[in-house]
Amino acid sequence: MTGIYEIWIGDNFYQGRSVDIEARIAAHQYTLKKGKHNKYMQSAWNKHQTFEWHVLVECDASSAQSYEQAFLEANVGLPNCMNLSDSACGGWNYATESRGEDWKKNLSSAMSGRKHNEIERTAKQRSWTPERRAALSERNRIRWAKFREERS
């Protein structure tokens, strides 16, 4: 089913679009349960542990973006809206095209035979030192504070 959906977690909501709403909802649930979603949705999930969703508009893929943009313009900025962007241009993999068997085969063939050797693994582990993680974390905190300030 293609269209616009809305997710409610506690008193907070998120709106999005997809050409396969059921698959997209399953992806949201999976990332929430793994603790890997955007910070607003993850925080709401961690607090309430509830998840309700429904379809707002069922439409064809060509008109879904304009519907989503209208919903975002009306709701982003409300205290209980968990959408991070007021633009409907994100989420290519769920919003604009469905991943079929061809996509899976192409990805599989592109990735086959690729393995990280021991030198690459060691270099990757070394590059994420606690100091670097702390510096990146602080930089992101500052960015988000500026972002929230601009939107207020």
C-alpha atoms as a PDB file:
ATOM      1  CA  MET A   1       0.000   0.000   0.000  1.00  0.00           C
ATOM      2  CA  THR A   2       1.375   3.403  -1.012  1.00  0.00           C
ATOM      3  CA  GLY A   3       0.597   6.593   0.854  1.00  0.00           C
ATOM      4  CA  ILE A   4       1.105   8.674   3.982  1.00  0.00           C
ATOM      5  CA  TYR A   5       1.176   7.055   7.426  1.00  0.00           C
ATOM      6  CA  GLU A   6       1.217   8.349  10.971  1.00  0.00           C
ATOM      7  CA  ILE A   7       2.868   6.716  13.980  1.00  0.00           C
ATOM      8  CA  TRP A   8       1.864   7.521  17.546  1.00  0.00           C
ATOM      9  CA  ILE A   9       4.192   6.752  20.460  1.00  0.00           C
ATOM     10  CA  GLY A  10       2.601   7.986  23.664  1.00  0.00           C
ATOM     11  CA  ASP A  11       1.428  11.546  22.953  1.00  0.00           C
ATOM     12  CA  ASN A  12       3.945  12.080  20.142  1.00  0.00           C
ATOM     13  CA  PHE A  13       3.480  11.479  16.432  1.00  0.00           C
ATOM     14  CA  TYR A  14       5.555  11.011  13.284  1.00  0.00           C
ATOM     15  CA  GLN A  15       4.328  11.259   9.692  1.00  0.00           C
ATOM     16  CA  GLY A  16       5.952   9.708   6.642  1.00  0.00           C
ATOM     17  CA  ARG A  17       5.327   8.270   3.184  1.00  0.00           C
ATOM     18  CA  SER A  18       6.138   4.986   1.548  1.00  0.00           C
ATOM     19  CA  VAL A  19       5.359   2.833  -1.455  1.00  0.00           C
ATOM     20  CA  ASP A  20       5.143  -0.090   0.979  1.00  0.00           C
ATOM     21  CA  ILE A  21       3.705   1.244   4.227  1.00  0.00           C
ATOM     22  CA  GLU A  22       3.641  -2.117   6.016  1.00  0.00           C
ATOM     23  CA  ALA A  23       7.349  -2.694   5.321  1.00  0.00           C
ATOM     24  CA  ARG A  24       8.208   0.846   6.408  1.00  0.00           C
ATOM     25  CA  ILE A  25       6.267   0.460   9.656  1.00  0.00           C
ATOM     26  CA  ALA A  26       8.104  -2.818  10.299  1.00  0.00           C
ATOM     27  CA  ALA A  27      11.424  -1.004   9.714  1.00  0.00           C
ATOM     28  CA  HIS A  28      10.455   1.723  12.209  1.00  0.00           C
ATOM     29  CA  GLN A  29       9.533  -0.924  14.796  1.00  0.00           C
ATOM     30  CA  TYR A  30      12.754  -2.846  14.203  1.00  0.00           C
ATOM     31  CA  THR A  31      15.006   0.192  14.646  1.00  0.00           C
ATOM     32  CA  LEU A  32      13.097   1.295  17.755  1.00  0.00           C
ATOM     33  CA  LYS A  33      13.456  -2.137  19.344  1.00  0.00           C
ATOM     34  CA  LYS A  34      17.173  -2.137  18.490  1.00  0.00           C
ATOM     35  CA  GLY A  35      17.584   1.367  19.981  1.00  0.00           C
ATOM     36  CA  LYS A  36      18.782   2.850  16.661  1.00  0.00           C
ATOM     37  CA  HIS A  37      16.021   5.316  15.669  1.00  0.00           C
ATOM     38  CA  ASN A  38      16.165   9.127  15.596  1.00  0.00           C
ATOM     39  CA  LYS A  39      16.542  10.513  19.088  1.00  0.00           C
ATOM     40  CA  TYR A  40      13.014  11.910  19.454  1.00  0.00           C
ATOM     41  CA  MET A  41      11.260   8.705  18.412  1.00  0.00           C
ATOM     42  CA  GLN A  42      13.705   6.571  20.369  1.00  0.00           C
ATOM     43  CA  SER A  43      13.248   8.663  23.498  1.00  0.00           C
ATOM     44  CA  ALA A  44       9.445   8.457  23.223  1.00  0.00           C
ATOM     45  CA  TRP A  45       9.644   4.696  22.606  1.00  0.00           C
ATOM     46  CA  ASN A  46      11.956   4.165  25.581  1.00  0.00           C
ATOM     47  CA  LYS A  47       9.527   6.086  27.800  1.00  0.00           C
ATOM     48  CA  HIS A  48       6.151   4.755  26.608  1.00  0.00           C
ATOM     49  CA  GLN A  49       6.825   1.426  24.839  1.00  0.00           C
ATOM     50  CA  THR A  50       3.647   1.934  22.797  1.00  0.00           C
ATOM     51  CA  PHE A  51       3.388   2.006  19.021  1.00  0.00           C
ATOM     52  CA  GLU A  52       0.226   2.743  17.064  1.00  0.00           C
ATOM     53  CA  TRP A  53      -0.001   3.580  13.386  1.00  0.00           C
ATOM     54  CA  HIS A  54      -2.587   4.249  10.738  1.00  0.00           C
ATOM     55  CA  VAL A  55      -2.768   5.372   7.137  1.00  0.00           C
ATOM     56  CA  LEU A  56      -3.617   9.044   6.645  1.00  0.00           C
ATOM     57  CA  VAL A  57      -3.849   9.026   2.841  1.00  0.00           C
ATOM     58  CA  GLU A  58      -3.705   6.171   0.372  1.00  0.00           C
ATOM     59  CA  CYS A  59      -2.427   7.493  -2.958  1.00  0.00           C
ATOM     60  CA  ASP A  60      -0.153   6.693  -5.867  1.00  0.00           C
ATOM     61  CA  ALA A  61       3.614   7.149  -5.562  1.00  0.00           C
ATOM     62  CA  SER A  62       3.674  10.221  -7.810  1.00  0.00           C
ATOM     63  CA  SER A  63       1.434  12.274  -5.499  1.00  0.00           C
ATOM     64  CA  ALA A  64       2.709  10.937  -2.150  1.00  0.00           C
ATOM     65  CA  GLN A  65       5.465  13.537  -1.804  1.00  0.00           C
ATOM     66  CA  SER A  66       3.084  16.482  -2.185  1.00  0.00           C
ATOM     67  CA  TYR A  67       0.714  15.000   0.413  1.00  0.00           C
ATOM     68  CA  GLU A  68       3.585  14.395   2.823  1.00  0.00           C
ATOM     69  CA  GLN A  69       4.895  17.945   2.308  1.00  0.00           C
ATOM     70  CA  ALA A  70       1.481  19.365   3.164  1.00  0.00           C
ATOM     71  CA  PHE A  71       1.293  17.305   6.366  1.00  0.00           C
ATOM     72  CA  LEU A  72       4.842  18.286   7.354  1.00  0.00           C
ATOM     73  CA  GLU A  73       4.205  22.002   6.774  1.00  0.00           C
ATOM     74  CA  ALA A  74       1.130  21.792   8.987  1.00  0.00           C
ATOM     75  CA  ASN A  75       2.735  19.805  11.825  1.00  0.00           C
ATOM     76  CA  VAL A  76       6.526  20.153  12.051  1.00  0.00           C
ATOM     77  CA  GLY A  77       7.309  22.477  14.927  1.00  0.00           C
ATOM     78  CA  LEU A  78       4.421  21.304  17.095  1.00  0.00           C
ATOM     79  CA  PRO A  79       5.708  20.162  20.501  1.00  0.00           C
ATOM     80  CA  ASN A  80       4.607  16.554  19.978  1.00  0.00           C
ATOM     81  CA  CYS A  81       5.779  16.159  16.347  1.00  0.00           C
ATOM     82  CA  MET A  82       8.791  13.839  16.048  1.00  0.00           C
ATOM     83  CA  ASN A  83       9.640  14.585  12.405  1.00  0.00           C
ATOM     84  CA  LEU A  84      13.171  15.984  12.189  1.00  0.00           C
ATOM     85  CA  SER A  85      12.739  17.747   8.844  1.00  0.00           C
ATOM     86  CA  ASP A  86      10.051  19.957   7.408  1.00  0.00           C
ATOM     87  CA  SER A  87      10.945  18.715   3.926  1.00  0.00           C
ATOM     88  CA  ALA A  88       9.434  15.658   2.244  1.00  0.00           C
ATOM     89  CA  CYS A  89      12.602  14.989   0.243  1.00  0.00           C
ATOM     90  CA  GLY A  90      14.148  12.291   2.459  1.00  0.00           C
ATOM     91  CA  GLY A  91      13.831   8.536   2.770  1.00  0.00           C
ATOM     92  CA  TRP A  92      14.492   7.425  -0.811  1.00  0.00           C
ATOM     93  CA  ASN A  93      14.559   3.729  -0.070  1.00  0.00           C
ATOM     94  CA  TYR A  94      11.094   3.576   1.453  1.00  0.00           C
ATOM     95  CA  ALA A  95       9.450   6.648  -0.009  1.00  0.00           C
ATOM     96  CA  THR A  96      10.143   6.500  -3.724  1.00  0.00           C
ATOM     97  CA  GLU A  97      10.889   2.941  -4.690  1.00  0.00           C
ATOM     98  CA  SER A  98      10.348  -0.566  -3.506  1.00  0.00           C
ATOM     99  CA  ARG A  99      13.341  -2.862  -3.136  1.00  0.00           C
ATOM    100  CA  GLY A 100      12.749  -5.915  -5.241  1.00  0.00           C
ATOM    101  CA  GLU A 101      14.639  -9.101  -6.004  1.00  0.00           C
ATOM    102  CA  ASP A 102      16.797  -7.378  -8.648  1.00  0.00           C
ATOM    103  CA  TRP A 103      18.019  -4.884  -6.076  1.00  0.00           C
ATOM    104  CA  LYS A 104      18.907  -7.696  -3.654  1.00  0.00           C
ATOM    105  CA  LYS A 105      20.769  -9.637  -6.357  1.00  0.00           C
ATOM    106  CA  ASN A 106      22.727  -6.556  -7.445  1.00  0.00           C
ATOM    107  CA  LEU A 107      23.713  -5.754  -3.873  1.00  0.00           C
ATOM    108  CA  SER A 108      24.665  -9.366  -3.205  1.00  0.00           C
ATOM    109  CA  SER A 109      26.884  -9.578  -6.273  1.00  0.00           C
ATOM    110  CA  ALA A 110      28.501  -6.214  -5.496  1.00  0.00           C
ATOM    111  CA  MET A 111      29.308  -7.280  -1.941  1.00  0.00           C
ATOM    112  CA  SER A 112      30.359 -10.886  -2.624  1.00  0.00           C
ATOM    113  CA  GLY A 113      33.952 -11.679  -1.818  1.00  0.00           C
ATOM    114  CA  ARG A 114      34.462  -8.493   0.187  1.00  0.00           C
ATOM    115  CA  LYS A 115      36.022  -9.062   3.548  1.00  0.00           C
ATOM    116  CA  HIS A 116      37.876  -6.668   5.801  1.00  0.00           C
ATOM    117  CA  ASN A 117      41.390  -7.825   6.319  1.00  0.00           C
ATOM    118  CA  GLU A 118      43.017  -7.642   9.726  1.00  0.00           C
ATOM    119  CA  ILE A 119      44.822  -4.362   8.961  1.00  0.00           C
ATOM    120  CA  GLU A 120      41.592  -2.600   7.932  1.00  0.00           C
ATOM    121  CA  ARG A 121      39.772  -3.860  11.027  1.00  0.00           C
ATOM    122  CA  THR A 122      42.539  -2.716  13.338  1.00  0.00           C
ATOM    123  CA  ALA A 123      42.662   0.718  11.691  1.00  0.00           C
ATOM    124  CA  LYS A 124      38.895   1.128  12.025  1.00  0.00           C
ATOM    125  CA  GLN A 125      38.962   0.138  15.681  1.00  0.00           C
ATOM    126  CA  ARG A 126      41.834   2.521  16.386  1.00  0.00           C
ATOM    127  CA  SER A 127      40.170   5.489  14.693  1.00  0.00           C
ATOM    128  CA  TRP A 128      37.233   5.547  17.140  1.00  0.00           C
ATOM    129  CA  THR A 129      39.076   6.433  20.319  1.00  0.00           C
ATOM    130  CA  PRO A 130      37.123   7.558  23.383  1.00  0.00           C
ATOM    131  CA  GLU A 131      38.495  11.088  22.896  1.00  0.00           C
ATOM    132  CA  ARG A 132      37.308  11.195  19.284  1.00  0.00           C
ATOM    133  CA  ARG A 133      33.894   9.846  20.255  1.00  0.00           C
ATOM    134  CA  ALA A 134      33.580  12.507  22.981  1.00  0.00           C
ATOM    135  CA  ALA A 135      34.594  15.288  20.562  1.00  0.00           C
ATOM    136  CA  LEU A 136      32.091  14.128  17.926  1.00  0.00           C
ATOM    137  CA  SER A 137      29.380  13.777  20.542  1.00  0.00           C
ATOM    138  CA  GLU A 138      29.971  17.316  21.792  1.00  0.00           C
ATOM    139  CA  ARG A 139      29.988  18.689  18.235  1.00  0.00           C
ATOM    140  CA  ASN A 140      26.648  16.970  17.538  1.00  0.00           C
ATOM    141  CA  ARG A 141      25.156  18.325  20.775  1.00  0.00           C
ATOM    142  CA  ILE A 142      26.097  21.860  19.692  1.00  0.00           C
ATOM    143  CA  ARG A 143      24.668  21.327  16.189  1.00  0.00           C
ATOM    144  CA  TRP A 144      21.349  20.034  17.541  1.00  0.00           C
ATOM    145  CA  ALA A 145      21.118  22.907  20.019  1.00  0.00           C
ATOM    146  CA  LYS A 146      21.611  25.423  17.183  1.00  0.00           C
ATOM    147  CA  PHE A 147      19.086  23.543  15.030  1.00  0.00           C
ATOM    148  CA  ARG A 148      16.443  23.606  17.783  1.00  0.00           C
ATOM    149  CA  GLU A 149      17.175  27.265  18.504  1.00  0.00           C
ATOM    150  CA  GLU A 150      16.687  28.208  14.827  1.00  0.00           C
ATOM    151  CA  ARG A 151      13.371  26.350  14.700  1.00  0.00           C
ATOM    152  CA  SER A 152      12.002  28.006  17.846  1.00  0.00           C
END
